Amino acid sequence: MNIKKTTFAAITTVSLLTFSLGGQIFAAGGSFKDVDSVNGKEKIISLKDQGLIKGVSDTQFVPGSKVTVAQGIQFISGGLQLSLAAIDFNKAPVASGLFTNVKDNAWYAEAFINAHYNGVEIPADIDPTKPMTKELFTVLLMQATEKVGNLPMINIIPTDIADSDQFDPASQGSIQRSLKYNINALDASGKFNPKSEITRAEAAVMLYNALEFLKSRADVTPPQS
């Protein structure tokens, strides 16, 4: 398929955040009733009020439920407003042409397509029904965040992580940058827990933190020449 991509940087951080944080993708409705005792409650409610996440109903978020790969991609694609607006196609892409296990009529098919064409490197044979680990969600969220923000590669002083031996070596850079950007945090024991299955609450908090990081970048006034 012949694909012509326009410059992705044309979707600036400022314009994305104006749309993401101000626009309403889903009807906001009432507040979630099951997040009162959840760490990050205010962040979850804020995302819902902005129309960036949905619950299983208008008042139930089910924060402790494990996130599947399909749900994780939807969190990232929907929350960061990934779309095909800046890409021209000779023929509209279909999920089955990109992913072995994603059917074209699946509710999450569009999220997978949008993420793929916005630089999120989802394995072609990934199983959408499997639980999403914190490590995988972090890697994919960071790829999307860095593409959306048109962020330069940076050298950072690595944070000491007690369980870094559990990382996939290819994930270390994304995890370290997620800590640097305050998208993630270590637990009280200094562990990242990369293989833990991420919950809906954890995914929402990370998404909120990513948007806040992008907003902080957009609010920085460029130096005058």
N, C-alpha and C. Protein backbone atom coordinates (compact mmCIF):
# COMPACT_ATOMS: atom_id res chain seq x y z
N MET A 1 0.85 -1.19 0.00
CA MET A 1 0.00 0.00 0.00
C MET A 1 0.88 1.24 0.00
N ASN A 2 0.59 2.16 -0.91
CA ASN A 2 1.35 3.39 -0.99
C ASN A 2 0.82 4.38 0.03
N ILE A 3 1.65 4.76 0.98
CA ILE A 3 1.21 5.65 2.05
C ILE A 3 2.05 6.91 2.01
N LYS A 4 1.39 8.06 2.01
CA LYS A 4 2.11 9.32 2.09
C LYS A 4 1.81 9.95 3.44
N LYS A 5 2.83 10.12 4.26
CA LYS A 5 2.65 10.70 5.59
C LYS A 5 3.02 12.18 5.54
N THR A 6 2.13 13.03 6.03
CA THR A 6 2.49 14.42 6.21
C THR A 6 3.31 14.52 7.47
N THR A 7 3.94 15.63 7.67
CA THR A 7 4.83 15.79 8.82
C THR A 7 4.05 15.67 10.11
N PHE A 8 4.44 14.66 10.90
CA PHE A 8 3.70 14.41 12.14
C PHE A 8 3.83 15.56 13.11
N ALA A 9 4.97 16.25 13.04
CA ALA A 9 5.19 17.37 13.96
C ALA A 9 4.20 18.49 13.73
N ALA A 10 3.49 18.46 12.60
CA ALA A 10 2.50 19.50 12.34
C ALA A 10 1.38 19.46 13.35
N ILE A 11 1.16 18.28 13.93
CA ILE A 11 0.19 18.20 15.02
C ILE A 11 0.94 18.59 16.28
N THR A 12 0.94 19.84 16.61
CA THR A 12 1.78 20.33 17.71
C THR A 12 1.21 19.93 19.05
N THR A 13 2.09 19.98 20.04
CA THR A 13 1.65 19.69 21.40
C THR A 13 0.53 20.62 21.82
N VAL A 14 0.65 21.89 21.47
CA VAL A 14 -0.37 22.85 21.88
C VAL A 14 -1.72 22.50 21.28
N SER A 15 -1.75 22.24 19.98
CA SER A 15 -3.04 21.98 19.34
C SER A 15 -3.63 20.68 19.85
N LEU A 16 -2.79 19.66 20.08
CA LEU A 16 -3.30 18.40 20.59
C LEU A 16 -3.93 18.58 21.95
N LEU A 17 -3.25 19.31 22.82
CA LEU A 17 -3.76 19.47 24.17
C LEU A 17 -5.01 20.33 24.20
N THR A 18 -5.08 21.31 23.32
CA THR A 18 -6.30 22.11 23.25
C THR A 18 -7.48 21.22 22.92
N PHE A 19 -7.26 20.26 22.01
CA PHE A 19 -8.34 19.36 21.62
C PHE A 19 -8.58 18.30 22.69
N SER A 20 -7.49 17.72 23.20
CA SER A 20 -7.62 16.62 24.14
C SER A 20 -8.22 17.06 25.47
N LEU A 21 -7.72 18.18 25.98
CA LEU A 21 -8.13 18.59 27.31
C LEU A 21 -9.38 19.45 27.29
N GLY A 22 -9.73 20.00 26.14
CA GLY A 22 -10.91 20.84 26.08
C GLY A 22 -12.08 20.18 25.42
N GLY A 23 -11.80 19.28 24.47
CA GLY A 23 -12.88 18.66 23.71
C GLY A 23 -13.55 17.55 24.47
N GLN A 24 -14.72 17.18 24.02
CA GLN A 24 -15.47 16.10 24.62
C GLN A 24 -15.64 14.98 23.61
N ILE A 25 -14.97 13.87 23.82
CA ILE A 25 -15.11 12.75 22.90
C ILE A 25 -16.33 11.92 23.27
N PHE A 26 -16.49 11.70 24.56
CA PHE A 26 -17.61 10.91 25.05
C PHE A 26 -18.47 11.79 25.96
N ALA A 27 -19.72 11.45 26.08
CA ALA A 27 -20.58 12.20 26.99
C ALA A 27 -20.05 12.07 28.41
N ALA A 28 -19.94 13.19 29.11
CA ALA A 28 -19.31 13.18 30.43
C ALA A 28 -20.22 12.63 31.51
N GLY A 29 -21.49 13.02 31.51
CA GLY A 29 -22.44 12.48 32.47
C GLY A 29 -22.04 12.73 33.91
N GLY A 30 -22.49 11.81 34.82
CA GLY A 30 -22.20 11.96 36.23
C GLY A 30 -20.82 11.45 36.58
N SER A 31 -20.48 11.55 37.85
CA SER A 31 -19.16 11.15 38.31
C SER A 31 -19.13 9.67 38.64
N PHE A 32 -17.93 9.07 38.57
CA PHE A 32 -17.77 7.69 38.99
C PHE A 32 -18.02 7.58 40.49
N LYS A 33 -18.74 6.54 40.89
CA LYS A 33 -19.08 6.34 42.30
C LYS A 33 -18.19 5.33 42.99
N ASP A 34 -17.28 4.70 42.26
CA ASP A 34 -16.48 3.62 42.84
C ASP A 34 -14.99 3.93 42.91
N VAL A 35 -14.65 5.21 42.92
CA VAL A 35 -13.23 5.58 42.96
C VAL A 35 -12.86 6.39 44.20
N ASP A 36 -13.77 6.51 45.14
CA ASP A 36 -13.54 7.37 46.29
C ASP A 36 -12.30 6.99 47.09
N SER A 37 -12.02 5.70 47.19
CA SER A 37 -10.86 5.26 47.98
C SER A 37 -9.66 4.90 47.12
N VAL A 38 -9.69 5.29 45.86
CA VAL A 38 -8.64 4.92 44.92
C VAL A 38 -7.56 5.99 44.87
N ASN A 39 -6.31 5.55 44.88
CA ASN A 39 -5.20 6.47 44.70
C ASN A 39 -5.26 7.06 43.30
N GLY A 40 -5.31 8.39 43.23
CA GLY A 40 -5.44 9.04 41.92
C GLY A 40 -6.88 9.32 41.53
N LYS A 41 -7.76 9.30 42.51
CA LYS A 41 -9.18 9.54 42.26
C LYS A 41 -9.42 10.81 41.44
N GLU A 42 -8.78 11.91 41.84
CA GLU A 42 -9.01 13.19 41.17
C GLU A 42 -8.58 13.14 39.71
N LYS A 43 -7.51 12.41 39.44
CA LYS A 43 -7.03 12.30 38.06
C LYS A 43 -8.01 11.50 37.21
N ILE A 44 -8.53 10.44 37.76
CA ILE A 44 -9.50 9.61 37.03
C ILE A 44 -10.75 10.41 36.71
N ILE A 45 -11.25 11.13 37.71
CA ILE A 45 -12.46 11.92 37.51
C ILE A 45 -12.21 13.04 36.50
N SER A 46 -11.03 13.64 36.56
CA SER A 46 -10.69 14.69 35.62
C SER A 46 -10.71 14.18 34.18
N LEU A 47 -10.13 13.00 33.97
CA LEU A 47 -10.12 12.42 32.62
C LEU A 47 -11.53 12.14 32.13
N LYS A 48 -12.38 11.65 33.04
CA LYS A 48 -13.76 11.38 32.65
C LYS A 48 -14.48 12.68 32.30
N ASP A 49 -14.29 13.70 33.13
CA ASP A 49 -14.95 14.97 32.90
C ASP A 49 -14.51 15.61 31.57
N GLN A 50 -13.28 15.32 31.16
CA GLN A 50 -12.78 15.84 29.89
C GLN A 50 -13.20 14.97 28.71
N GLY A 51 -13.85 13.84 29.00
CA GLY A 51 -14.28 12.96 27.94
C GLY A 51 -13.19 12.07 27.40
N LEU A 52 -12.11 11.87 28.16
CA LEU A 52 -10.97 11.12 27.66
C LEU A 52 -10.98 9.66 28.03
N ILE A 53 -11.77 9.27 29.02
CA ILE A 53 -11.93 7.87 29.37
C ILE A 53 -13.40 7.59 29.65
N LYS A 54 -13.76 6.33 29.57
CA LYS A 54 -15.10 5.88 29.90
C LYS A 54 -15.03 4.80 30.96
N GLY A 55 -16.13 4.64 31.69
CA GLY A 55 -16.23 3.53 32.61
C GLY A 55 -17.06 2.42 31.98
N VAL A 56 -17.36 1.40 32.78
CA VAL A 56 -18.23 0.34 32.27
C VAL A 56 -19.68 0.83 32.25
N SER A 57 -19.94 1.88 33.01
CA SER A 57 -21.21 2.60 32.95
C SER A 57 -20.89 4.05 33.25
N ASP A 58 -21.89 4.89 33.27
CA ASP A 58 -21.65 6.31 33.51
C ASP A 58 -21.16 6.59 34.92
N THR A 59 -21.43 5.68 35.86
CA THR A 59 -21.05 5.91 37.25
C THR A 59 -20.09 4.87 37.80
N GLN A 60 -19.73 3.86 37.02
CA GLN A 60 -18.85 2.80 37.48
C GLN A 60 -17.60 2.72 36.60
N PHE A 61 -16.43 2.90 37.22
CA PHE A 61 -15.17 2.83 36.50
C PHE A 61 -14.50 1.46 36.67
N VAL A 62 -14.81 0.78 37.78
CA VAL A 62 -14.19 -0.52 38.13
C VAL A 62 -12.66 -0.37 38.14
N PRO A 63 -12.15 0.45 39.04
CA PRO A 63 -10.73 0.82 39.03
C PRO A 63 -9.76 -0.33 39.23
N GLY A 64 -10.17 -1.37 39.96
CA GLY A 64 -9.26 -2.48 40.25
C GLY A 64 -9.23 -3.55 39.18
N SER A 65 -10.07 -3.42 38.17
CA SER A 65 -10.12 -4.41 37.11
C SER A 65 -8.84 -4.39 36.29
N LYS A 66 -8.35 -5.56 35.89
CA LYS A 66 -7.14 -5.65 35.09
C LYS A 66 -7.43 -5.18 33.67
N VAL A 67 -6.47 -4.50 33.09
CA VAL A 67 -6.59 -3.96 31.74
C VAL A 67 -6.11 -5.00 30.74
N THR A 68 -6.93 -5.29 29.75
CA THR A 68 -6.49 -6.14 28.65
C THR A 68 -5.66 -5.31 27.68
N VAL A 69 -4.97 -5.99 26.78
CA VAL A 69 -4.20 -5.29 25.76
C VAL A 69 -5.13 -4.38 24.94
N ALA A 70 -6.31 -4.88 24.59
CA ALA A 70 -7.26 -4.07 23.82
C ALA A 70 -7.65 -2.81 24.58
N GLN A 71 -7.93 -2.95 25.87
CA GLN A 71 -8.30 -1.78 26.67
C GLN A 71 -7.13 -0.82 26.83
N GLY A 72 -5.93 -1.38 26.97
CA GLY A 72 -4.75 -0.53 27.11
C GLY A 72 -4.50 0.32 25.88
N ILE A 73 -4.65 -0.28 24.70
CA ILE A 73 -4.47 0.48 23.47
C ILE A 73 -5.55 1.53 23.34
N GLN A 74 -6.76 1.21 23.77
CA GLN A 74 -7.85 2.20 23.74
C GLN A 74 -7.56 3.37 24.67
N PHE A 75 -7.03 3.08 25.87
CA PHE A 75 -6.64 4.14 26.79
C PHE A 75 -5.66 5.10 26.11
N ILE A 76 -4.65 4.53 25.47
CA ILE A 76 -3.60 5.35 24.87
C ILE A 76 -4.12 6.11 23.65
N SER A 77 -4.77 5.40 22.76
CA SER A 77 -5.23 6.01 21.51
C SER A 77 -6.31 7.05 21.75
N GLY A 78 -7.26 6.72 22.62
CA GLY A 78 -8.33 7.66 22.92
C GLY A 78 -7.87 8.82 23.78
N GLY A 79 -7.06 8.53 24.79
CA GLY A 79 -6.62 9.57 25.70
C GLY A 79 -5.70 10.59 25.06
N LEU A 80 -4.85 10.14 24.13
CA LEU A 80 -3.94 11.06 23.45
C LEU A 80 -4.50 11.53 22.11
N GLN A 81 -5.72 11.13 21.81
CA GLN A 81 -6.39 11.57 20.58
C GLN A 81 -5.60 11.25 19.32
N LEU A 82 -5.08 10.04 19.27
CA LEU A 82 -4.36 9.61 18.08
C LEU A 82 -5.36 9.41 16.94
N SER A 83 -5.03 9.91 15.77
CA SER A 83 -5.93 9.78 14.63
C SER A 83 -5.12 9.67 13.35
N LEU A 84 -5.83 9.53 12.24
CA LEU A 84 -5.18 9.46 10.93
C LEU A 84 -5.28 10.78 10.19
N ALA A 85 -5.59 11.85 10.90
CA ALA A 85 -5.84 13.15 10.26
C ALA A 85 -4.63 13.67 9.49
N ALA A 86 -3.43 13.34 9.95
CA ALA A 86 -2.23 13.88 9.31
C ALA A 86 -1.60 12.91 8.32
N ILE A 87 -2.35 11.87 7.94
CA ILE A 87 -1.82 10.83 7.07
C ILE A 87 -2.76 10.62 5.89
N ASP A 88 -2.20 10.54 4.69
CA ASP A 88 -2.99 10.29 3.49
C ASP A 88 -2.79 8.84 3.04
N PHE A 89 -3.90 8.20 2.68
CA PHE A 89 -3.85 6.81 2.22
C PHE A 89 -4.49 6.70 0.84
N ASN A 90 -3.96 5.79 0.03
CA ASN A 90 -4.65 5.45 -1.20
C ASN A 90 -5.86 4.59 -0.91
N LYS A 91 -5.77 3.82 0.16
CA LYS A 91 -6.84 2.93 0.57
C LYS A 91 -6.89 2.93 2.09
N ALA A 92 -8.07 3.02 2.64
CA ALA A 92 -8.20 3.05 4.10
C ALA A 92 -7.63 1.77 4.71
N PRO A 93 -6.81 1.89 5.74
CA PRO A 93 -6.21 0.71 6.36
C PRO A 93 -7.24 -0.08 7.17
N VAL A 94 -7.01 -1.37 7.28
CA VAL A 94 -7.87 -2.23 8.10
C VAL A 94 -7.00 -2.93 9.12
N ALA A 95 -7.59 -3.21 10.27
CA ALA A 95 -6.83 -3.79 11.37
C ALA A 95 -6.24 -5.15 11.00
N SER A 96 -7.00 -5.96 10.27
CA SER A 96 -6.53 -7.30 9.93
C SER A 96 -5.32 -7.28 9.00
N GLY A 97 -5.10 -6.16 8.33
CA GLY A 97 -3.93 -6.03 7.48
C GLY A 97 -2.68 -5.68 8.26
N LEU A 98 -2.85 -5.33 9.53
CA LEU A 98 -1.73 -4.93 10.38
C LEU A 98 -1.47 -5.90 11.52
N PHE A 99 -2.54 -6.50 12.03
CA PHE A 99 -2.45 -7.34 13.23
C PHE A 99 -3.12 -8.69 12.99
N THR A 100 -2.42 -9.73 13.37
CA THR A 100 -2.89 -11.09 13.15
C THR A 100 -4.18 -11.39 13.90
N ASN A 101 -4.31 -10.85 15.12
CA ASN A 101 -5.41 -11.24 16.00
C ASN A 101 -6.45 -10.14 16.24
N VAL A 102 -6.44 -9.10 15.41
CA VAL A 102 -7.41 -8.02 15.56
C VAL A 102 -8.37 -8.05 14.37
N LYS A 103 -9.63 -8.34 14.67
CA LYS A 103 -10.64 -8.38 13.61
C LYS A 103 -11.07 -6.96 13.24
N ASP A 104 -11.44 -6.80 11.99
CA ASP A 104 -11.79 -5.47 11.50
C ASP A 104 -13.02 -4.88 12.18
N ASN A 105 -13.91 -5.75 12.67
CA ASN A 105 -15.14 -5.26 13.32
C ASN A 105 -15.04 -5.22 14.85
N ALA A 106 -13.84 -5.44 15.38
CA ALA A 106 -13.67 -5.39 16.83
C ALA A 106 -13.84 -3.96 17.32
N TRP A 107 -14.36 -3.79 18.53
CA TRP A 107 -14.61 -2.45 19.05
C TRP A 107 -13.32 -1.64 19.21
N TYR A 108 -12.21 -2.33 19.33
CA TYR A 108 -10.93 -1.67 19.55
C TYR A 108 -10.10 -1.55 18.27
N ALA A 109 -10.61 -2.00 17.14
CA ALA A 109 -9.84 -2.03 15.89
C ALA A 109 -9.33 -0.65 15.51
N GLU A 110 -10.19 0.35 15.61
CA GLU A 110 -9.78 1.71 15.22
C GLU A 110 -8.65 2.23 16.11
N ALA A 111 -8.71 1.91 17.40
CA ALA A 111 -7.66 2.35 18.33
C ALA A 111 -6.31 1.74 17.94
N PHE A 112 -6.32 0.47 17.53
CA PHE A 112 -5.08 -0.19 17.11
C PHE A 112 -4.53 0.47 15.85
N ILE A 113 -5.40 0.73 14.88
CA ILE A 113 -4.98 1.37 13.63
C ILE A 113 -4.39 2.75 13.90
N ASN A 114 -5.11 3.55 14.69
CA ASN A 114 -4.64 4.91 14.98
C ASN A 114 -3.30 4.90 15.71
N ALA A 115 -3.17 3.99 16.66
CA ALA A 115 -1.91 3.90 17.40
C ALA A 115 -0.77 3.49 16.47
N HIS A 116 -1.01 2.50 15.65
CA HIS A 116 0.03 2.00 14.74
C HIS A 116 0.56 3.10 13.84
N TYR A 117 -0.33 3.87 13.24
CA TYR A 117 0.10 4.90 12.30
C TYR A 117 0.57 6.18 12.97
N ASN A 118 0.54 6.20 14.29
CA ASN A 118 1.10 7.33 15.03
C ASN A 118 2.33 6.91 15.83
N GLY A 119 3.01 5.88 15.33
CA GLY A 119 4.30 5.54 15.88
C GLY A 119 4.33 4.62 17.07
N VAL A 120 3.19 4.04 17.45
CA VAL A 120 3.15 3.11 18.57
C VAL A 120 3.43 1.71 18.02
N GLU A 121 4.51 1.12 18.47
CA GLU A 121 5.00 -0.13 17.89
C GLU A 121 4.36 -1.34 18.57
N ILE A 122 3.13 -1.61 18.19
CA ILE A 122 2.38 -2.74 18.74
C ILE A 122 2.79 -4.00 17.97
N PRO A 123 3.20 -5.05 18.65
CA PRO A 123 3.58 -6.28 17.94
C PRO A 123 2.42 -6.79 17.07
N ALA A 124 2.74 -7.19 15.85
CA ALA A 124 1.71 -7.59 14.89
C ALA A 124 0.92 -8.80 15.37
N ASP A 125 1.54 -9.67 16.18
CA ASP A 125 0.86 -10.88 16.63
C ASP A 125 0.33 -10.78 18.05
N ILE A 126 0.20 -9.57 18.56
CA ILE A 126 -0.24 -9.39 19.95
C ILE A 126 -1.67 -9.91 20.12
N ASP A 127 -1.94 -10.44 21.30
CA ASP A 127 -3.28 -10.96 21.62
C ASP A 127 -4.04 -9.89 22.40
N PRO A 128 -5.08 -9.30 21.81
CA PRO A 128 -5.81 -8.21 22.47
C PRO A 128 -6.51 -8.63 23.76
N THR A 129 -6.73 -9.94 23.95
CA THR A 129 -7.47 -10.40 25.12
C THR A 129 -6.58 -10.64 26.34
N LYS A 130 -5.27 -10.64 26.13
CA LYS A 130 -4.34 -10.91 27.23
C LYS A 130 -4.25 -9.70 28.17
N PRO A 131 -3.94 -9.93 29.44
CA PRO A 131 -3.73 -8.80 30.36
C PRO A 131 -2.53 -7.96 29.92
N MET A 132 -2.63 -6.67 30.15
CA MET A 132 -1.55 -5.73 29.81
C MET A 132 -0.63 -5.57 31.03
N THR A 133 0.64 -5.79 30.84
CA THR A 133 1.58 -5.57 31.95
C THR A 133 1.92 -4.09 32.07
N LYS A 134 2.40 -3.72 33.24
CA LYS A 134 2.81 -2.33 33.45
C LYS A 134 3.96 -1.97 32.52
N GLU A 135 4.84 -2.92 32.28
CA GLU A 135 5.98 -2.68 31.39
C GLU A 135 5.50 -2.37 29.97
N LEU A 136 4.62 -3.20 29.43
CA LEU A 136 4.15 -3.00 28.06
C LEU A 136 3.35 -1.71 27.94
N PHE A 137 2.47 -1.44 28.90
CA PHE A 137 1.68 -0.22 28.84
C PHE A 137 2.59 1.00 28.88
N THR A 138 3.61 0.96 29.72
CA THR A 138 4.56 2.08 29.81
C THR A 138 5.26 2.31 28.48
N VAL A 139 5.76 1.24 27.88
CA VAL A 139 6.49 1.36 26.61
C VAL A 139 5.60 1.97 25.53
N LEU A 140 4.38 1.47 25.39
CA LEU A 140 3.49 1.96 24.34
C LEU A 140 3.01 3.38 24.63
N LEU A 141 2.72 3.68 25.89
CA LEU A 141 2.31 5.03 26.25
C LEU A 141 3.44 6.02 26.00
N MET A 142 4.66 5.65 26.32
CA MET A 142 5.79 6.54 26.10
C MET A 142 6.02 6.77 24.61
N GLN A 143 5.88 5.74 23.80
CA GLN A 143 6.03 5.92 22.35
C GLN A 143 5.00 6.93 21.84
N ALA A 144 3.76 6.79 22.27
CA ALA A 144 2.71 7.71 21.83
C ALA A 144 2.96 9.12 22.35
N THR A 145 3.33 9.25 23.61
CA THR A 145 3.58 10.56 24.21
C THR A 145 4.72 11.28 23.51
N GLU A 146 5.79 10.57 23.26
CA GLU A 146 6.96 11.19 22.63
C GLU A 146 6.69 11.57 21.18
N LYS A 147 5.86 10.79 20.48
CA LYS A 147 5.49 11.15 19.12
C LYS A 147 4.58 12.38 19.11
N VAL A 148 3.58 12.37 19.97
CA VAL A 148 2.64 13.48 20.03
C VAL A 148 3.34 14.77 20.40
N GLY A 149 4.24 14.69 21.38
CA GLY A 149 4.95 15.89 21.82
C GLY A 149 6.15 16.24 20.96
N ASN A 150 6.43 15.41 19.95
CA ASN A 150 7.60 15.63 19.10
C ASN A 150 8.84 15.84 19.96
N LEU A 151 9.01 14.96 20.94
CA LEU A 151 10.06 15.13 21.94
C LEU A 151 11.41 14.67 21.41
N PRO A 152 12.46 15.41 21.72
CA PRO A 152 13.80 15.00 21.29
C PRO A 152 14.31 13.87 22.18
N MET A 153 15.25 13.12 21.67
CA MET A 153 15.91 12.11 22.49
C MET A 153 16.80 12.83 23.51
N ILE A 154 16.78 12.36 24.74
CA ILE A 154 17.55 13.02 25.79
C ILE A 154 18.42 12.01 26.52
N ASN A 155 19.50 12.52 27.08
CA ASN A 155 20.35 11.71 27.95
C ASN A 155 19.95 11.99 29.39
N ILE A 156 19.65 10.95 30.13
CA ILE A 156 19.24 11.12 31.52
C ILE A 156 20.13 10.28 32.42
N ILE A 157 20.20 10.70 33.66
CA ILE A 157 20.87 9.89 34.67
C ILE A 157 19.89 8.81 35.11
N PRO A 158 20.18 7.54 34.87
CA PRO A 158 19.21 6.49 35.19
C PRO A 158 18.87 6.44 36.67
N THR A 159 17.61 6.21 36.95
CA THR A 159 17.15 6.01 38.31
C THR A 159 17.46 4.58 38.73
N ASP A 160 17.92 4.41 39.97
CA ASP A 160 18.14 3.06 40.49
C ASP A 160 16.79 2.39 40.74
N ILE A 161 16.58 1.25 40.13
CA ILE A 161 15.32 0.52 40.24
C ILE A 161 15.63 -0.86 40.80
N ALA A 162 15.01 -1.19 41.92
CA ALA A 162 15.36 -2.41 42.64
C ALA A 162 15.12 -3.68 41.83
N ASP A 163 14.14 -3.67 40.95
CA ASP A 163 13.83 -4.89 40.18
C ASP A 163 14.10 -4.71 38.69
N SER A 164 15.11 -3.90 38.36
CA SER A 164 15.42 -3.65 36.96
C SER A 164 15.84 -4.91 36.21
N ASP A 165 16.26 -5.95 36.97
CA ASP A 165 16.64 -7.21 36.33
C ASP A 165 15.44 -7.92 35.71
N GLN A 166 14.24 -7.47 36.04
CA GLN A 166 13.03 -8.08 35.49
C GLN A 166 12.57 -7.42 34.19
N PHE A 167 13.23 -6.33 33.78
CA PHE A 167 12.83 -5.63 32.55
C PHE A 167 13.27 -6.42 31.32
N ASP A 168 12.49 -6.29 30.27
CA ASP A 168 12.99 -6.59 28.94
C ASP A 168 14.02 -5.51 28.63
N PRO A 169 15.23 -5.84 28.19
CA PRO A 169 16.26 -4.82 27.92
C PRO A 169 15.77 -3.70 27.02
N ALA A 170 14.89 -4.02 26.07
CA ALA A 170 14.39 -3.01 25.13
C ALA A 170 13.45 -2.01 25.80
N SER A 171 12.97 -2.34 27.01
CA SER A 171 12.00 -1.48 27.71
C SER A 171 12.67 -0.46 28.62
N GLN A 172 13.94 -0.64 28.92
CA GLN A 172 14.58 0.16 29.96
C GLN A 172 14.54 1.65 29.68
N GLY A 173 14.80 2.05 28.43
CA GLY A 173 14.80 3.47 28.11
C GLY A 173 13.45 4.11 28.34
N SER A 174 12.39 3.45 27.89
CA SER A 174 11.03 3.98 28.06
C SER A 174 10.67 4.08 29.53
N ILE A 175 11.03 3.06 30.30
CA ILE A 175 10.72 3.08 31.73
C ILE A 175 11.48 4.19 32.44
N GLN A 176 12.75 4.34 32.13
CA GLN A 176 13.54 5.40 32.75
C GLN A 176 12.98 6.78 32.40
N ARG A 177 12.60 6.99 31.16
CA ARG A 177 12.05 8.30 30.78
C ARG A 177 10.68 8.53 31.42
N SER A 178 9.91 7.47 31.59
CA SER A 178 8.60 7.64 32.25
C SER A 178 8.77 8.09 33.69
N LEU A 179 9.84 7.65 34.33
CA LEU A 179 10.13 8.11 35.69
C LEU A 179 10.63 9.55 35.67
N LYS A 180 11.48 9.88 34.70
CA LYS A 180 12.02 11.24 34.57
C LYS A 180 10.89 12.24 34.33
N TYR A 181 9.90 11.85 33.54
CA TYR A 181 8.79 12.76 33.21
C TYR A 181 7.65 12.70 34.22
N ASN A 182 7.84 11.94 35.32
CA ASN A 182 6.82 11.79 36.37
C ASN A 182 5.52 11.17 35.85
N ILE A 183 5.64 10.36 34.83
CA ILE A 183 4.48 9.60 34.36
C ILE A 183 4.31 8.35 35.21
N ASN A 184 5.42 7.84 35.69
CA ASN A 184 5.45 6.69 36.58
C ASN A 184 6.21 7.03 37.85
N ALA A 185 6.06 6.17 38.84
CA ALA A 185 6.81 6.31 40.09
C ALA A 185 7.10 4.92 40.63
N LEU A 186 8.19 4.79 41.35
CA LEU A 186 8.53 3.53 41.98
C LEU A 186 7.71 3.35 43.25
N ASP A 187 7.57 2.11 43.69
CA ASP A 187 6.84 1.89 44.94
C ASP A 187 7.76 2.16 46.13
N ALA A 188 7.26 1.93 47.33
CA ALA A 188 8.01 2.26 48.54
C ALA A 188 9.30 1.47 48.67
N SER A 189 9.39 0.34 47.98
CA SER A 189 10.58 -0.49 48.01
C SER A 189 11.54 -0.19 46.87
N GLY A 190 11.22 0.84 46.09
CA GLY A 190 12.07 1.20 44.96
C GLY A 190 11.90 0.29 43.76
N LYS A 191 10.77 -0.42 43.71
CA LYS A 191 10.50 -1.34 42.61
C LYS A 191 9.53 -0.74 41.60
N PHE A 192 9.67 -1.18 40.36
CA PHE A 192 8.78 -0.76 39.29
C PHE A 192 7.67 -1.77 39.06
N ASN A 193 7.94 -3.03 39.35
CA ASN A 193 6.97 -4.12 39.16
C ASN A 193 6.53 -4.24 37.70
N PRO A 194 7.49 -4.44 36.79
CA PRO A 194 7.18 -4.41 35.37
C PRO A 194 6.23 -5.49 34.89
N LYS A 195 6.25 -6.65 35.53
CA LYS A 195 5.42 -7.76 35.06
C LYS A 195 4.05 -7.80 35.72
N SER A 196 3.77 -6.83 36.59
CA SER A 196 2.44 -6.79 37.21
C SER A 196 1.40 -6.43 36.16
N GLU A 197 0.19 -6.96 36.33
CA GLU A 197 -0.90 -6.67 35.39
C GLU A 197 -1.54 -5.36 35.81
N ILE A 198 -1.50 -4.38 34.92
CA ILE A 198 -1.92 -3.04 35.26
C ILE A 198 -3.44 -2.97 35.43
N THR A 199 -3.88 -2.15 36.37
CA THR A 199 -5.31 -1.98 36.59
C THR A 199 -5.81 -0.76 35.82
N ARG A 200 -7.13 -0.66 35.73
CA ARG A 200 -7.73 0.49 35.06
C ARG A 200 -7.35 1.80 35.75
N ALA A 201 -7.30 1.78 37.08
CA ALA A 201 -6.92 2.99 37.81
C ALA A 201 -5.48 3.37 37.51
N GLU A 202 -4.58 2.40 37.51
CA GLU A 202 -3.17 2.68 37.24
C GLU A 202 -2.98 3.22 35.82
N ALA A 203 -3.67 2.63 34.87
CA ALA A 203 -3.56 3.08 33.48
C ALA A 203 -4.07 4.51 33.34
N ALA A 204 -5.19 4.81 34.00
CA ALA A 204 -5.76 6.15 33.91
C ALA A 204 -4.82 7.18 34.53
N VAL A 205 -4.22 6.86 35.66
CA VAL A 205 -3.30 7.80 36.32
C VAL A 205 -2.09 8.05 35.44
N MET A 206 -1.55 7.01 34.82
CA MET A 206 -0.40 7.19 33.93
C MET A 206 -0.77 8.03 32.72
N LEU A 207 -1.96 7.82 32.18
CA LEU A 207 -2.43 8.62 31.05
C LEU A 207 -2.55 10.09 31.46
N TYR A 208 -3.14 10.33 32.61
CA TYR A 208 -3.27 11.71 33.10
C TYR A 208 -1.89 12.36 33.26
N ASN A 209 -0.96 11.62 33.84
CA ASN A 209 0.39 12.16 34.05
C ASN A 209 1.07 12.48 32.72
N ALA A 210 0.84 11.62 31.72
CA ALA A 210 1.41 11.87 30.39
C ALA A 210 0.84 13.15 29.79
N LEU A 211 -0.45 13.35 29.92
CA LEU A 211 -1.08 14.57 29.40
C LEU A 211 -0.59 15.80 30.15
N GLU A 212 -0.40 15.67 31.45
CA GLU A 212 0.12 16.80 32.22
C GLU A 212 1.55 17.13 31.80
N PHE A 213 2.33 16.10 31.52
CA PHE A 213 3.69 16.34 31.05
C PHE A 213 3.67 17.08 29.71
N LEU A 214 2.82 16.65 28.79
CA LEU A 214 2.72 17.33 27.51
C LEU A 214 2.24 18.76 27.68
N LYS A 215 1.32 18.96 28.59
CA LYS A 215 0.81 20.31 28.85
C LYS A 215 1.93 21.19 29.40
N SER A 216 2.76 20.64 30.26
CA SER A 216 3.87 21.43 30.82
C SER A 216 4.85 21.83 29.72
N ARG A 217 5.03 20.96 28.75
CA ARG A 217 5.90 21.28 27.62
C ARG A 217 5.28 22.38 26.76
N ALA A 218 3.97 22.33 26.58
CA ALA A 218 3.29 23.32 25.76
C ALA A 218 3.29 24.68 26.42
N ASP A 219 3.33 24.69 27.77
CA ASP A 219 3.27 25.96 28.51
C ASP A 219 4.62 26.66 28.59
N VAL A 220 5.70 25.98 28.17
CA VAL A 220 7.02 26.60 28.22
C VAL A 220 7.18 27.58 27.07
N THR A 221 7.52 28.82 27.41
CA THR A 221 7.70 29.85 26.39
C THR A 221 9.07 29.67 25.72
N PRO A 222 9.10 29.53 24.39
CA PRO A 222 10.38 29.36 23.72
C PRO A 222 11.29 30.57 23.93
N PRO A 223 12.60 30.34 24.02
CA PRO A 223 13.51 31.48 24.20
C PRO A 223 13.49 32.39 22.99
N GLN A 224 13.61 33.68 23.22
CA GLN A 224 13.62 34.65 22.13
C GLN A 224 14.99 34.73 21.49
N SER A 225 15.02 34.78 20.17
CA SER A 225 16.29 34.85 19.47
C SER A 225 16.76 36.31 19.38
